[in-house]
Amino acid sequence: QVQLLESGGGLVQAGGSLRLSCVGSGDISRSYVMGWYRQAPGKQRELVAVITSGGRTNYAGSVKGRFTISRDNAKDTVYLQMNSLKPDDTAVYYCAADRNSFSPRGSGIRYWGQGTQVSVSS
């Protein structure tokens, strides 16, 4: 059984930075695709960033140039460095992992973290 544990959320002023971490445990494969979704109140869950086992990345247009996803396969950990944060980035951020590619809303993804709150004040 795979478990994902996120950390690093919090409250920050607009323009600030946060770094999210997600540690995988259990039977997680380094071949898994890993990434981050977020869900703001009253909105649908959306894909923020994804990284393959080989290090290929993809980002939502709204975060491109501000967020960076990376992974350390030796530690089964994926990171999300978030810079130039905006109030619109306020959401619960979820780590996800699966053998298959990620859909825009996360349907069918097998493993999820519990979520970490990111709040950006104006």
Protein backbone atom coordinates (compact mmCIF):
# COMPACT_ATOMS: atom_id res chain seq x y z
CA GLN A 1 0.00 0.00 0.00
CA VAL A 2 1.35 3.41 -0.99
CA GLN A 3 1.06 6.36 1.34
CA LEU A 4 1.79 9.96 0.44
CA LEU A 5 2.50 12.55 3.12
CA GLU A 6 2.57 16.24 2.25
CA SER A 7 4.12 19.07 4.22
CA GLY A 8 5.08 22.69 3.74
CA GLY A 9 1.77 24.47 3.40
CA GLY A 10 0.94 27.63 5.30
CA LEU A 11 -0.01 31.28 5.12
CA VAL A 12 2.09 33.67 3.08
CA GLN A 13 1.71 37.18 1.68
CA ALA A 14 1.31 37.76 -2.03
CA GLY A 15 4.67 37.66 -3.74
CA GLY A 16 6.07 35.22 -1.20
CA SER A 17 7.25 31.65 -1.59
CA LEU A 18 6.48 28.23 -0.19
CA ARG A 19 7.93 24.79 -0.81
CA LEU A 20 5.71 21.74 -0.61
CA SER A 21 7.12 18.27 -0.06
CA CYS A 22 5.51 14.88 -0.56
CA VAL A 23 7.14 11.73 0.75
CA GLY A 24 5.98 8.39 -0.55
CA SER A 25 6.13 5.23 1.52
CA GLY A 26 5.10 1.66 1.09
CA ASP A 27 5.14 -0.03 -2.27
CA ILE A 28 5.77 3.10 -4.29
CA SER A 29 7.58 2.61 -7.53
CA ARG A 30 10.13 5.05 -8.82
CA SER A 31 8.51 4.59 -12.20
CA TYR A 32 5.37 6.32 -10.95
CA VAL A 33 4.25 9.64 -12.30
CA MET A 34 3.98 12.09 -9.41
CA GLY A 35 2.48 15.52 -9.18
CA TRP A 36 0.32 18.08 -7.47
CA TYR A 37 -3.31 19.05 -7.75
CA ARG A 38 -5.14 21.80 -5.95
CA GLN A 39 -8.71 22.58 -5.06
CA ALA A 40 -9.98 25.97 -4.00
CA PRO A 41 -13.35 26.42 -2.25
CA GLY A 42 -16.19 26.19 -4.73
CA LYS A 43 -13.92 25.17 -7.58
CA GLN A 44 -13.01 21.93 -9.27
CA ARG A 45 -9.77 20.17 -8.55
CA GLU A 46 -7.11 21.11 -11.09
CA LEU A 47 -3.74 19.78 -12.08
CA VAL A 48 -0.91 22.08 -11.04
CA ALA A 49 2.26 20.25 -12.05
CA VAL A 50 3.38 16.75 -12.92
CA ILE A 51 6.73 15.00 -13.25
CA THR A 52 7.54 11.63 -14.78
CA SER A 53 10.08 9.18 -13.46
CA GLY A 54 12.46 10.45 -16.11
CA GLY A 55 12.05 14.04 -15.01
CA ARG A 56 9.76 15.38 -17.71
CA THR A 57 7.53 18.11 -16.33
CA ASN A 58 4.31 19.82 -17.24
CA TYR A 59 2.55 22.77 -15.63
CA ALA A 60 -0.78 24.45 -15.59
CA GLY A 61 -0.65 27.67 -17.54
CA SER A 62 -1.55 29.69 -14.46
CA VAL A 63 1.59 28.60 -12.59
CA LYS A 64 4.11 28.26 -15.41
CA GLY A 65 7.18 30.33 -14.69
CA ARG A 66 6.33 30.64 -10.99
CA PHE A 67 6.18 27.02 -9.77
CA THR A 68 8.81 24.31 -10.17
CA ILE A 69 8.24 20.62 -9.61
CA SER A 70 11.12 18.27 -8.90
CA ARG A 71 11.66 14.81 -7.47
CA ASP A 72 14.29 12.89 -5.60
CA ASN A 73 13.82 9.25 -6.51
CA ALA A 74 16.29 8.09 -3.90
CA LYS A 75 14.02 9.59 -1.25
CA ASP A 76 10.69 8.86 -2.96
CA THR A 77 9.96 12.56 -2.59
CA VAL A 78 8.45 15.15 -4.90
CA TYR A 79 8.68 18.89 -4.30
CA LEU A 80 6.74 21.91 -5.47
CA GLN A 81 8.59 25.21 -5.19
CA MET A 82 6.07 28.02 -5.41
CA ASN A 83 7.31 31.55 -6.01
CA SER A 84 5.55 34.84 -6.65
CA LEU A 85 2.45 33.48 -4.98
CA LYS A 86 -0.89 35.14 -5.68
CA PRO A 87 -4.16 35.10 -3.73
CA ASP A 88 -5.61 32.96 -6.56
CA ASP A 89 -3.13 30.23 -5.56
CA THR A 90 -5.01 29.75 -2.30
CA ALA A 91 -6.21 26.14 -2.18
CA VAL A 92 -5.67 22.75 -0.64
CA TYR A 93 -2.78 21.14 -2.48
CA TYR A 94 -2.76 17.37 -2.95
CA CYS A 95 0.12 15.12 -3.86
CA ALA A 96 -0.72 12.31 -6.26
CA ALA A 97 1.00 9.25 -7.71
CA ASP A 98 0.08 6.71 -10.33
CA ARG A 99 1.60 4.46 -12.94
CA ASN A 100 -0.36 6.24 -15.65
CA SER A 101 -0.46 9.81 -16.89
CA PHE A 102 -2.52 12.37 -14.98
CA SER A 103 -5.85 13.73 -16.15
CA PRO A 104 -6.72 17.43 -15.72
CA ARG A 105 -9.11 16.72 -12.83
CA GLY A 106 -7.30 13.73 -11.35
CA SER A 107 -9.90 11.10 -12.13
CA GLY A 108 -8.57 7.57 -11.89
CA ILE A 109 -5.44 8.44 -9.92
CA ARG A 110 -4.70 5.66 -7.51
CA TYR A 111 -2.81 7.34 -4.69
CA TRP A 112 -3.46 10.65 -2.96
CA GLY A 113 -2.02 12.52 -0.02
CA GLN A 114 -4.22 14.06 2.64
CA GLY A 115 -3.73 17.60 1.37
CA THR A 116 -2.00 20.68 2.73
CA GLN A 117 -3.51 24.14 2.90
CA VAL A 118 -1.83 27.03 1.10
CA SER A 119 -3.24 30.46 1.83
CA VAL A 120 -1.98 33.62 0.14
CA SER A 121 -3.04 36.98 1.52
CA SER A 122 -3.21 40.13 -0.57
